N, C-alpha and C. Protein backbone atom coordinates (compact mmCIF):
# COMPACT_ATOMS: atom_id res chain seq x y z
N UNK A 1 52.69 -5.20 -20.13
CA UNK A 1 52.24 -5.19 -18.74
C UNK A 1 52.81 -6.39 -17.98
N UNK A 2 52.82 -7.56 -18.63
CA UNK A 2 53.26 -8.78 -17.96
C UNK A 2 54.76 -8.77 -17.66
N UNK A 3 55.50 -7.96 -18.36
CA UNK A 3 56.95 -7.92 -18.15
C UNK A 3 57.30 -7.55 -16.71
N UNK A 4 56.40 -6.83 -16.03
CA UNK A 4 56.64 -6.48 -14.62
C UNK A 4 56.65 -7.73 -13.74
N UNK A 5 55.83 -8.71 -14.08
CA UNK A 5 55.80 -9.97 -13.32
C UNK A 5 56.97 -10.86 -13.72
N UNK A 6 57.31 -10.87 -15.00
CA UNK A 6 58.33 -11.78 -15.51
C UNK A 6 59.65 -11.67 -14.75
N UNK A 7 60.01 -10.49 -14.30
CA UNK A 7 61.28 -10.33 -13.59
C UNK A 7 61.25 -10.97 -12.20
N UNK A 8 60.07 -11.34 -11.71
CA UNK A 8 59.98 -11.98 -10.38
C UNK A 8 59.80 -13.49 -10.46
N UNK A 9 59.69 -14.04 -11.68
CA UNK A 9 59.40 -15.46 -11.81
C UNK A 9 60.52 -16.36 -11.29
N UNK A 10 61.78 -15.96 -11.42
CA UNK A 10 62.88 -16.79 -10.91
C UNK A 10 62.74 -17.00 -9.40
N UNK A 11 62.51 -15.92 -8.67
CA UNK A 11 62.32 -16.04 -7.23
C UNK A 11 61.05 -16.77 -6.87
N UNK A 12 60.01 -16.55 -7.65
CA UNK A 12 58.70 -17.18 -7.44
C UNK A 12 58.81 -18.70 -7.54
N UNK A 13 59.65 -19.18 -8.47
CA UNK A 13 59.82 -20.62 -8.68
C UNK A 13 61.04 -21.21 -7.99
N UNK A 14 61.77 -20.42 -7.25
CA UNK A 14 62.95 -20.95 -6.56
C UNK A 14 62.52 -21.81 -5.38
N UNK A 15 63.48 -22.49 -4.78
CA UNK A 15 63.21 -23.29 -3.57
C UNK A 15 63.54 -22.51 -2.30
N UNK A 16 64.02 -21.31 -2.46
CA UNK A 16 64.38 -20.44 -1.33
C UNK A 16 63.12 -19.71 -0.85
N UNK A 17 62.69 -20.02 0.38
CA UNK A 17 61.43 -19.46 0.91
C UNK A 17 61.44 -17.92 0.93
N UNK A 18 62.57 -17.33 1.28
CA UNK A 18 62.60 -15.87 1.35
C UNK A 18 62.43 -15.25 -0.04
N UNK A 19 63.03 -15.86 -1.05
CA UNK A 19 62.86 -15.37 -2.43
C UNK A 19 61.43 -15.60 -2.90
N UNK A 20 60.87 -16.76 -2.56
CA UNK A 20 59.48 -17.04 -2.92
C UNK A 20 58.54 -16.01 -2.30
N UNK A 21 58.76 -15.74 -1.03
CA UNK A 21 57.92 -14.80 -0.31
C UNK A 21 58.03 -13.39 -0.90
N UNK A 22 59.24 -12.94 -1.16
CA UNK A 22 59.44 -11.61 -1.73
C UNK A 22 58.80 -11.51 -3.12
N UNK A 23 59.02 -12.51 -3.95
CA UNK A 23 58.47 -12.49 -5.31
C UNK A 23 56.95 -12.61 -5.29
N UNK A 24 56.43 -13.48 -4.43
CA UNK A 24 54.97 -13.64 -4.34
C UNK A 24 54.32 -12.33 -3.89
N UNK A 25 54.94 -11.63 -2.95
CA UNK A 25 54.40 -10.35 -2.49
C UNK A 25 54.38 -9.32 -3.62
N UNK A 26 55.44 -9.29 -4.40
CA UNK A 26 55.51 -8.32 -5.50
C UNK A 26 54.51 -8.67 -6.61
N UNK A 27 54.36 -9.94 -6.90
CA UNK A 27 53.38 -10.35 -7.91
C UNK A 27 51.96 -10.07 -7.42
N UNK A 28 51.71 -10.31 -6.13
CA UNK A 28 50.39 -10.01 -5.57
C UNK A 28 50.09 -8.51 -5.69
N UNK A 29 51.06 -7.68 -5.39
CA UNK A 29 50.87 -6.23 -5.50
C UNK A 29 50.61 -5.82 -6.95
N UNK A 30 51.33 -6.43 -7.87
CA UNK A 30 51.09 -6.16 -9.29
C UNK A 30 49.65 -6.53 -9.67
N UNK A 31 49.21 -7.70 -9.23
CA UNK A 31 47.84 -8.14 -9.54
C UNK A 31 46.82 -7.20 -8.91
N UNK A 32 47.07 -6.76 -7.70
CA UNK A 32 46.16 -5.84 -7.03
C UNK A 32 45.99 -4.55 -7.82
N UNK A 33 47.09 -4.03 -8.33
CA UNK A 33 47.04 -2.77 -9.08
C UNK A 33 46.52 -2.94 -10.50
N UNK A 34 46.81 -4.08 -11.13
CA UNK A 34 46.58 -4.21 -12.57
C UNK A 34 45.54 -5.23 -13.00
N UNK A 35 45.02 -6.04 -12.09
CA UNK A 35 44.11 -7.11 -12.50
C UNK A 35 42.91 -6.60 -13.30
N UNK A 36 42.29 -5.49 -12.93
CA UNK A 36 41.14 -5.04 -13.72
C UNK A 36 41.47 -4.73 -15.19
N UNK A 37 42.73 -4.35 -15.46
CA UNK A 37 43.11 -3.99 -16.84
C UNK A 37 43.74 -5.14 -17.61
N UNK A 38 43.94 -6.29 -16.97
CA UNK A 38 44.61 -7.39 -17.65
C UNK A 38 43.70 -7.92 -18.75
N UNK A 39 44.22 -7.90 -19.95
CA UNK A 39 43.46 -8.36 -21.11
C UNK A 39 43.72 -9.82 -21.41
N UNK A 40 43.14 -10.32 -22.50
CA UNK A 40 43.28 -11.74 -22.86
C UNK A 40 44.72 -12.19 -23.05
N UNK A 41 45.55 -11.33 -23.66
CA UNK A 41 46.95 -11.72 -23.88
C UNK A 41 47.67 -11.93 -22.56
N UNK A 42 47.52 -11.01 -21.62
CA UNK A 42 48.19 -11.15 -20.33
C UNK A 42 47.58 -12.29 -19.50
N UNK A 43 46.29 -12.53 -19.69
CA UNK A 43 45.65 -13.67 -19.01
C UNK A 43 46.28 -14.97 -19.49
N UNK A 44 46.51 -15.08 -20.79
CA UNK A 44 47.16 -16.27 -21.35
C UNK A 44 48.58 -16.42 -20.80
N UNK A 45 49.26 -15.31 -20.62
CA UNK A 45 50.62 -15.37 -20.09
C UNK A 45 50.63 -15.77 -18.61
N UNK A 46 49.65 -15.30 -17.85
CA UNK A 46 49.54 -15.75 -16.45
C UNK A 46 49.38 -17.26 -16.40
N UNK A 47 48.57 -17.78 -17.31
CA UNK A 47 48.35 -19.23 -17.37
C UNK A 47 49.61 -19.94 -17.87
N UNK A 48 50.20 -19.43 -18.94
CA UNK A 48 51.37 -20.06 -19.54
C UNK A 48 52.52 -20.15 -18.54
N UNK A 49 52.76 -19.09 -17.80
CA UNK A 49 53.85 -19.09 -16.83
C UNK A 49 53.47 -19.74 -15.50
N UNK A 50 52.24 -20.19 -15.37
CA UNK A 50 51.82 -20.94 -14.20
C UNK A 50 51.72 -20.13 -12.92
N UNK A 51 51.47 -18.83 -13.03
CA UNK A 51 51.42 -17.97 -11.85
C UNK A 51 50.29 -18.40 -10.91
N UNK A 52 49.11 -18.62 -11.45
CA UNK A 52 47.98 -19.02 -10.60
C UNK A 52 48.23 -20.41 -10.04
N UNK A 53 48.71 -21.32 -10.86
CA UNK A 53 49.00 -22.70 -10.40
C UNK A 53 50.01 -22.67 -9.26
N UNK A 54 51.02 -21.81 -9.36
CA UNK A 54 52.04 -21.72 -8.31
C UNK A 54 51.45 -21.16 -7.02
N UNK A 55 50.59 -20.14 -7.14
CA UNK A 55 49.92 -19.63 -5.94
C UNK A 55 49.08 -20.72 -5.28
N UNK A 56 48.38 -21.51 -6.08
CA UNK A 56 47.59 -22.62 -5.52
C UNK A 56 48.52 -23.61 -4.82
N UNK A 57 49.68 -23.87 -5.40
CA UNK A 57 50.66 -24.75 -4.76
C UNK A 57 51.16 -24.21 -3.43
N UNK A 58 51.28 -22.90 -3.32
CA UNK A 58 51.73 -22.29 -2.07
C UNK A 58 50.71 -22.46 -0.94
N UNK A 59 49.46 -22.73 -1.25
CA UNK A 59 48.42 -22.83 -0.21
C UNK A 59 48.69 -23.93 0.81
N UNK A 60 49.37 -24.98 0.42
CA UNK A 60 49.58 -26.10 1.35
C UNK A 60 50.89 -26.04 2.12
N UNK A 61 51.68 -25.01 1.95
CA UNK A 61 52.97 -24.93 2.63
C UNK A 61 52.78 -24.61 4.11
N UNK A 62 53.22 -25.53 4.95
CA UNK A 62 53.02 -25.36 6.39
C UNK A 62 54.22 -24.76 7.09
N UNK A 63 55.39 -24.79 6.43
CA UNK A 63 56.60 -24.28 7.08
C UNK A 63 56.70 -22.76 7.01
N UNK A 64 55.84 -22.13 6.22
CA UNK A 64 55.88 -20.68 6.07
C UNK A 64 54.44 -20.16 5.96
N UNK A 65 53.80 -19.80 7.07
CA UNK A 65 52.40 -19.37 6.99
C UNK A 65 52.19 -18.09 6.18
N UNK A 66 53.25 -17.29 6.02
CA UNK A 66 53.10 -16.07 5.24
C UNK A 66 52.84 -16.37 3.77
N UNK A 67 53.44 -17.45 3.25
CA UNK A 67 53.30 -17.79 1.84
C UNK A 67 51.87 -18.23 1.50
N UNK A 68 51.25 -19.14 2.26
CA UNK A 68 49.85 -19.46 1.97
C UNK A 68 48.92 -18.26 2.13
N UNK A 69 49.22 -17.39 3.07
CA UNK A 69 48.40 -16.19 3.26
C UNK A 69 48.50 -15.28 2.04
N UNK A 70 49.71 -15.04 1.56
CA UNK A 70 49.91 -14.25 0.34
C UNK A 70 49.24 -14.90 -0.86
N UNK A 71 49.34 -16.22 -0.93
CA UNK A 71 48.74 -16.95 -2.05
C UNK A 71 47.22 -16.80 -2.03
N UNK A 72 46.61 -16.94 -0.86
CA UNK A 72 45.15 -16.79 -0.75
C UNK A 72 44.73 -15.37 -1.12
N UNK A 73 45.51 -14.38 -0.70
CA UNK A 73 45.20 -12.99 -1.05
C UNK A 73 45.31 -12.77 -2.56
N UNK A 74 46.35 -13.31 -3.18
CA UNK A 74 46.52 -13.17 -4.64
C UNK A 74 45.39 -13.88 -5.38
N UNK A 75 45.03 -15.07 -4.94
CA UNK A 75 43.93 -15.80 -5.59
C UNK A 75 42.61 -15.05 -5.43
N UNK A 76 42.44 -14.40 -4.30
CA UNK A 76 41.23 -13.60 -4.09
C UNK A 76 41.17 -12.45 -5.08
N UNK A 77 42.30 -11.81 -5.32
CA UNK A 77 42.37 -10.69 -6.26
C UNK A 77 42.02 -11.16 -7.67
N UNK A 78 42.61 -12.27 -8.08
CA UNK A 78 42.35 -12.79 -9.42
C UNK A 78 40.91 -13.26 -9.54
N UNK A 79 40.41 -13.96 -8.52
CA UNK A 79 39.05 -14.50 -8.56
C UNK A 79 37.99 -13.40 -8.63
N UNK A 80 38.30 -12.24 -8.08
CA UNK A 80 37.33 -11.14 -8.12
C UNK A 80 37.10 -10.65 -9.55
N UNK A 81 38.07 -10.81 -10.42
CA UNK A 81 37.98 -10.33 -11.79
C UNK A 81 37.82 -11.48 -12.79
N UNK A 82 38.60 -12.53 -12.59
CA UNK A 82 38.60 -13.67 -13.52
C UNK A 82 38.57 -14.98 -12.74
N UNK A 83 37.41 -15.34 -12.18
CA UNK A 83 37.33 -16.55 -11.35
C UNK A 83 37.68 -17.83 -12.10
N UNK A 84 37.45 -17.87 -13.40
CA UNK A 84 37.78 -19.08 -14.16
C UNK A 84 39.27 -19.41 -14.09
N UNK A 85 40.11 -18.38 -14.10
CA UNK A 85 41.55 -18.61 -14.01
C UNK A 85 41.91 -19.34 -12.71
N UNK A 86 41.21 -18.99 -11.64
CA UNK A 86 41.48 -19.61 -10.35
C UNK A 86 40.89 -21.02 -10.30
N UNK A 87 39.63 -21.16 -10.69
CA UNK A 87 38.95 -22.46 -10.61
C UNK A 87 39.65 -23.50 -11.48
N UNK A 88 40.20 -23.08 -12.61
CA UNK A 88 40.90 -24.01 -13.49
C UNK A 88 42.07 -24.70 -12.80
N UNK A 89 42.58 -24.11 -11.72
CA UNK A 89 43.71 -24.69 -10.98
C UNK A 89 43.26 -25.47 -9.74
N UNK A 90 41.96 -25.63 -9.54
CA UNK A 90 41.36 -26.44 -8.47
C UNK A 90 41.85 -26.08 -7.06
N UNK A 91 41.69 -24.82 -6.64
CA UNK A 91 42.12 -24.45 -5.29
C UNK A 91 41.08 -24.72 -4.21
N UNK A 92 39.86 -25.08 -4.60
CA UNK A 92 38.75 -25.21 -3.64
C UNK A 92 39.07 -26.03 -2.41
N UNK A 93 39.47 -27.29 -2.56
CA UNK A 93 39.75 -28.11 -1.36
C UNK A 93 40.84 -27.52 -0.46
N UNK A 94 41.87 -26.93 -1.06
CA UNK A 94 42.95 -26.34 -0.27
C UNK A 94 42.46 -25.10 0.48
N UNK A 95 41.68 -24.26 -0.19
CA UNK A 95 41.14 -23.07 0.48
C UNK A 95 40.19 -23.47 1.61
N UNK A 96 39.39 -24.51 1.38
CA UNK A 96 38.48 -24.98 2.42
C UNK A 96 39.27 -25.45 3.65
N UNK A 97 40.37 -26.16 3.44
CA UNK A 97 41.20 -26.61 4.56
C UNK A 97 41.77 -25.42 5.35
N UNK A 98 42.07 -24.34 4.64
CA UNK A 98 42.67 -23.17 5.31
C UNK A 98 41.67 -22.42 6.19
N UNK A 99 40.38 -22.72 6.06
CA UNK A 99 39.39 -22.11 6.95
C UNK A 99 39.71 -22.45 8.40
N UNK A 100 40.35 -23.59 8.62
CA UNK A 100 40.68 -24.02 9.98
C UNK A 100 41.91 -23.29 10.54
N UNK A 101 42.65 -22.58 9.71
CA UNK A 101 43.87 -21.90 10.15
C UNK A 101 43.57 -20.45 10.51
N UNK A 102 43.69 -20.08 11.78
CA UNK A 102 43.36 -18.70 12.18
C UNK A 102 44.16 -17.63 11.43
N UNK A 103 45.41 -17.91 11.09
CA UNK A 103 46.26 -16.92 10.44
C UNK A 103 45.85 -16.68 8.99
N UNK A 104 45.38 -17.73 8.33
CA UNK A 104 45.10 -17.67 6.89
C UNK A 104 43.61 -17.65 6.60
N UNK A 105 42.79 -17.81 7.62
CA UNK A 105 41.34 -17.97 7.45
C UNK A 105 40.69 -16.85 6.64
N UNK A 106 40.89 -15.60 7.01
CA UNK A 106 40.19 -14.50 6.33
C UNK A 106 40.55 -14.40 4.84
N UNK A 107 41.85 -14.45 4.47
CA UNK A 107 42.15 -14.42 3.04
C UNK A 107 41.58 -15.62 2.29
N UNK A 108 41.58 -16.79 2.93
CA UNK A 108 41.00 -17.99 2.29
C UNK A 108 39.50 -17.81 2.09
N UNK A 109 38.82 -17.26 3.08
CA UNK A 109 37.38 -17.01 2.96
C UNK A 109 37.08 -16.00 1.85
N UNK A 110 37.89 -14.96 1.75
CA UNK A 110 37.66 -13.97 0.70
C UNK A 110 37.92 -14.55 -0.68
N UNK A 111 38.91 -15.42 -0.81
CA UNK A 111 39.14 -16.10 -2.09
C UNK A 111 37.94 -16.98 -2.43
N UNK A 112 37.43 -17.72 -1.45
CA UNK A 112 36.24 -18.55 -1.68
C UNK A 112 35.04 -17.68 -2.05
N UNK A 113 34.87 -16.57 -1.35
CA UNK A 113 33.75 -15.66 -1.64
C UNK A 113 33.83 -15.12 -3.05
N UNK A 114 35.03 -14.76 -3.49
CA UNK A 114 35.18 -14.21 -4.84
C UNK A 114 34.97 -15.26 -5.92
N UNK A 115 35.37 -16.49 -5.66
CA UNK A 115 35.07 -17.57 -6.61
C UNK A 115 33.57 -17.82 -6.64
N UNK A 116 32.94 -17.86 -5.46
CA UNK A 116 31.51 -18.14 -5.37
C UNK A 116 30.65 -17.00 -5.90
N UNK A 117 31.22 -15.81 -6.03
CA UNK A 117 30.47 -14.67 -6.56
C UNK A 117 30.05 -14.92 -8.01
N UNK A 118 30.79 -15.76 -8.72
CA UNK A 118 30.39 -16.17 -10.06
C UNK A 118 29.52 -17.41 -9.89
N UNK A 119 28.21 -17.30 -10.13
CA UNK A 119 27.30 -18.41 -9.85
C UNK A 119 27.66 -19.72 -10.56
N UNK A 120 28.41 -19.62 -11.62
CA UNK A 120 28.82 -20.83 -12.33
C UNK A 120 29.68 -21.72 -11.42
N UNK A 121 30.34 -21.11 -10.44
CA UNK A 121 31.31 -21.85 -9.63
C UNK A 121 30.80 -22.27 -8.25
N UNK A 122 29.57 -21.92 -7.88
CA UNK A 122 29.17 -22.29 -6.52
C UNK A 122 29.06 -23.80 -6.37
N UNK A 123 28.67 -24.54 -7.41
CA UNK A 123 28.64 -26.00 -7.31
C UNK A 123 30.04 -26.57 -7.08
N UNK A 124 31.02 -25.98 -7.75
CA UNK A 124 32.41 -26.41 -7.57
C UNK A 124 32.82 -26.29 -6.09
N UNK A 125 32.50 -25.15 -5.49
CA UNK A 125 32.88 -24.95 -4.09
C UNK A 125 32.07 -25.83 -3.14
N UNK A 126 30.80 -26.02 -3.45
CA UNK A 126 30.00 -26.92 -2.62
C UNK A 126 30.56 -28.34 -2.69
N UNK A 127 30.98 -28.77 -3.88
CA UNK A 127 31.59 -30.10 -4.03
C UNK A 127 32.97 -30.16 -3.38
N UNK A 128 33.60 -29.00 -3.21
CA UNK A 128 34.90 -28.95 -2.53
C UNK A 128 34.76 -29.03 -1.01
N UNK A 129 33.52 -29.03 -0.53
CA UNK A 129 33.27 -29.16 0.90
C UNK A 129 33.27 -27.85 1.67
N UNK A 130 32.96 -26.74 1.01
CA UNK A 130 33.04 -25.43 1.66
C UNK A 130 31.92 -25.18 2.67
N UNK A 131 30.77 -25.79 2.49
CA UNK A 131 29.60 -25.42 3.28
C UNK A 131 29.73 -25.73 4.77
N UNK A 132 30.08 -26.93 5.14
CA UNK A 132 30.11 -27.29 6.56
C UNK A 132 31.18 -26.52 7.36
N UNK A 133 32.40 -26.35 6.84
CA UNK A 133 33.36 -25.52 7.59
C UNK A 133 32.87 -24.09 7.78
N UNK A 134 32.16 -23.56 6.78
CA UNK A 134 31.59 -22.21 6.92
C UNK A 134 30.57 -22.18 8.05
N UNK A 135 29.67 -23.14 8.05
CA UNK A 135 28.64 -23.18 9.08
C UNK A 135 29.24 -23.37 10.46
N UNK A 136 30.25 -24.22 10.56
CA UNK A 136 30.92 -24.41 11.85
C UNK A 136 31.56 -23.11 12.32
N UNK A 137 32.17 -22.40 11.40
CA UNK A 137 32.82 -21.13 11.72
C UNK A 137 31.79 -20.10 12.18
N UNK A 138 30.67 -20.04 11.49
CA UNK A 138 29.63 -19.07 11.84
C UNK A 138 28.95 -19.38 13.17
N UNK A 139 29.04 -20.61 13.61
CA UNK A 139 28.36 -20.96 14.86
C UNK A 139 29.25 -20.81 16.09
N UNK A 140 30.53 -20.47 15.91
CA UNK A 140 31.44 -20.32 17.05
C UNK A 140 31.33 -18.94 17.67
N UNK A 141 31.35 -18.89 18.97
CA UNK A 141 31.31 -17.61 19.69
C UNK A 141 32.64 -16.87 19.60
N UNK A 142 33.71 -17.57 19.32
CA UNK A 142 35.04 -16.96 19.32
C UNK A 142 35.44 -16.40 17.95
N UNK A 143 34.58 -16.50 16.97
CA UNK A 143 34.90 -16.02 15.64
C UNK A 143 34.97 -14.49 15.64
N UNK A 144 36.01 -13.95 15.03
CA UNK A 144 36.19 -12.49 14.99
C UNK A 144 35.17 -11.87 14.04
N UNK A 145 34.98 -10.58 14.19
CA UNK A 145 34.03 -9.86 13.36
C UNK A 145 34.43 -9.90 11.88
N UNK A 146 35.71 -9.72 11.58
CA UNK A 146 36.15 -9.76 10.17
C UNK A 146 35.92 -11.14 9.57
N UNK A 147 36.14 -12.17 10.37
CA UNK A 147 35.90 -13.54 9.89
C UNK A 147 34.41 -13.78 9.69
N UNK A 148 33.59 -13.29 10.61
CA UNK A 148 32.13 -13.43 10.44
C UNK A 148 31.66 -12.75 9.15
N UNK A 149 32.19 -11.60 8.87
CA UNK A 149 31.80 -10.89 7.64
C UNK A 149 32.23 -11.67 6.40
N UNK A 150 33.47 -12.13 6.39
CA UNK A 150 33.97 -12.88 5.23
C UNK A 150 33.21 -14.20 5.07
N UNK A 151 32.93 -14.88 6.17
CA UNK A 151 32.20 -16.15 6.10
C UNK A 151 30.76 -15.91 5.64
N UNK A 152 30.13 -14.85 6.11
CA UNK A 152 28.76 -14.53 5.70
C UNK A 152 28.72 -14.18 4.21
N UNK A 153 29.69 -13.43 3.74
CA UNK A 153 29.75 -13.10 2.31
C UNK A 153 29.92 -14.38 1.48
N UNK A 154 30.79 -15.26 1.92
CA UNK A 154 31.01 -16.52 1.21
C UNK A 154 29.74 -17.34 1.18
N UNK A 155 29.08 -17.47 2.32
CA UNK A 155 27.83 -18.23 2.39
C UNK A 155 26.76 -17.62 1.49
N UNK A 156 26.65 -16.31 1.52
CA UNK A 156 25.69 -15.61 0.67
C UNK A 156 25.97 -15.90 -0.81
N UNK A 157 27.23 -15.80 -1.20
CA UNK A 157 27.59 -16.05 -2.60
C UNK A 157 27.35 -17.50 -3.01
N UNK A 158 27.52 -18.42 -2.06
CA UNK A 158 27.27 -19.84 -2.38
C UNK A 158 25.79 -20.13 -2.60
N UNK A 159 24.94 -19.35 -1.98
CA UNK A 159 23.50 -19.65 -1.99
C UNK A 159 22.71 -18.80 -2.99
N UNK A 160 23.37 -18.07 -3.84
CA UNK A 160 22.65 -17.23 -4.79
C UNK A 160 23.12 -17.51 -6.21
N UNK A 161 22.46 -16.86 -7.17
CA UNK A 161 22.91 -16.92 -8.55
C UNK A 161 22.06 -17.80 -9.43
N UNK A 162 22.37 -17.75 -10.70
CA UNK A 162 21.71 -18.58 -11.70
C UNK A 162 22.74 -19.41 -12.41
N UNK A 163 22.60 -20.69 -12.50
CA UNK A 163 21.50 -21.43 -11.93
C UNK A 163 21.64 -21.50 -10.41
N UNK A 164 20.51 -21.48 -9.72
CA UNK A 164 20.59 -21.55 -8.26
C UNK A 164 21.07 -22.94 -7.82
N UNK A 165 21.70 -23.00 -6.65
CA UNK A 165 22.07 -24.33 -6.14
C UNK A 165 20.80 -25.12 -5.85
N UNK A 166 20.93 -26.42 -5.80
CA UNK A 166 19.75 -27.26 -5.51
C UNK A 166 19.32 -27.04 -4.06
N UNK A 167 18.08 -27.34 -3.80
CA UNK A 167 17.54 -27.19 -2.45
C UNK A 167 18.34 -28.03 -1.46
N UNK A 168 18.73 -29.22 -1.85
CA UNK A 168 19.48 -30.10 -0.95
C UNK A 168 20.83 -29.48 -0.57
N UNK A 169 21.42 -28.72 -1.49
CA UNK A 169 22.72 -28.11 -1.22
C UNK A 169 22.63 -26.96 -0.21
N UNK A 170 21.49 -26.29 -0.16
CA UNK A 170 21.38 -25.11 0.71
C UNK A 170 20.38 -25.28 1.84
N UNK A 171 19.78 -26.45 1.97
CA UNK A 171 18.78 -26.66 3.01
C UNK A 171 19.35 -26.39 4.41
N UNK A 172 20.50 -26.95 4.69
CA UNK A 172 21.09 -26.78 6.02
C UNK A 172 21.37 -25.32 6.35
N UNK A 173 22.05 -24.55 5.46
CA UNK A 173 22.27 -23.14 5.84
C UNK A 173 20.98 -22.35 5.98
N UNK A 174 20.00 -22.65 5.15
CA UNK A 174 18.73 -21.94 5.27
C UNK A 174 18.05 -22.29 6.58
N UNK A 175 18.11 -23.53 6.97
CA UNK A 175 17.47 -23.92 8.23
C UNK A 175 18.18 -23.34 9.45
N UNK A 176 19.47 -23.02 9.30
CA UNK A 176 20.22 -22.43 10.41
C UNK A 176 20.20 -20.91 10.41
N UNK A 177 19.60 -20.30 9.40
CA UNK A 177 19.59 -18.85 9.29
C UNK A 177 19.06 -18.15 10.55
N UNK A 178 17.99 -18.64 11.19
CA UNK A 178 17.53 -17.96 12.42
C UNK A 178 18.63 -17.83 13.49
N UNK A 179 19.53 -18.80 13.53
CA UNK A 179 20.64 -18.72 14.48
C UNK A 179 21.52 -17.50 14.18
N UNK A 180 21.77 -17.23 12.91
CA UNK A 180 22.61 -16.10 12.53
C UNK A 180 21.95 -14.76 12.83
N UNK A 181 20.64 -14.72 12.81
CA UNK A 181 19.92 -13.48 13.06
C UNK A 181 20.15 -13.01 14.50
N UNK A 182 20.39 -13.93 15.41
CA UNK A 182 20.55 -13.60 16.82
C UNK A 182 21.98 -13.36 17.25
N UNK A 183 22.87 -13.14 16.32
CA UNK A 183 24.26 -12.84 16.70
C UNK A 183 24.25 -11.55 17.51
N UNK A 184 24.87 -11.60 18.66
CA UNK A 184 24.78 -10.49 19.63
C UNK A 184 25.89 -9.46 19.46
N UNK A 185 26.24 -9.11 18.25
CA UNK A 185 27.28 -8.11 18.05
C UNK A 185 26.67 -6.92 17.33
N UNK A 186 26.64 -5.77 17.98
CA UNK A 186 26.02 -4.60 17.39
C UNK A 186 26.74 -4.11 16.14
N UNK A 187 28.02 -4.43 16.01
CA UNK A 187 28.78 -3.97 14.85
C UNK A 187 28.61 -4.88 13.64
N UNK A 188 27.98 -6.00 13.82
CA UNK A 188 27.86 -6.96 12.74
C UNK A 188 26.58 -6.70 11.96
N UNK A 189 26.71 -6.33 10.71
CA UNK A 189 25.55 -6.09 9.85
C UNK A 189 25.58 -7.07 8.70
N UNK A 190 24.51 -7.79 8.53
CA UNK A 190 24.41 -8.75 7.43
C UNK A 190 24.09 -7.99 6.16
C-alpha cells in the first residue's frame, strides 16, 4: 500500500515548490482514500519516511499558502484515524497560529478538532494555546458559517473526554457559552 506514496517522496522532499505542491496533493489524496485501512506496518513507514513530519514542516511556509493548506488537510485526515502520529510531530502551536489565516483557517481548525477528538490530546492542544484564538474567532461577527462550525467542533472536543480537562482550563469557554447561544444565524446548529 505504501508504495503508492513512495513514488511521490522525491517531489515531496524537493526544494521546488511546484513539485512539493503536486506531491503533497497526491499524498493527501492517498491518505484520504486509504487512511482507515493503514495498518501498523504502513504507519511505521509513514513515520520512517517522515511524511507527517514533512506536512508539519509545510505549515509554516508563507510563500505558498496552498502548501500549508494541503498540509493542514492531510494532518486532519491522519488525526481523524491516528492522532498520535500527528501529535508526535508537535503541530499544535503551528496549527494554532494558522487560525489567524483566513485561507488556511478551516483546515487548521479541522486538524485541531480531530486531534482534540482523542481526549488524551486535549491537554496538549490547550498547552499549545488553542483556546483563546478559538474564543476570539467565535466572538467575531465576520466569522463564516463553516469556520463557526469547525471552531465549535474544536471547542467541543477540547472540553470533553476522559480524563476531563481541569475546571481552570475550561472555565472561560463555559462562562462565555451564553454568548454562543445567541448567535443570530438560522443556519448555524450547535
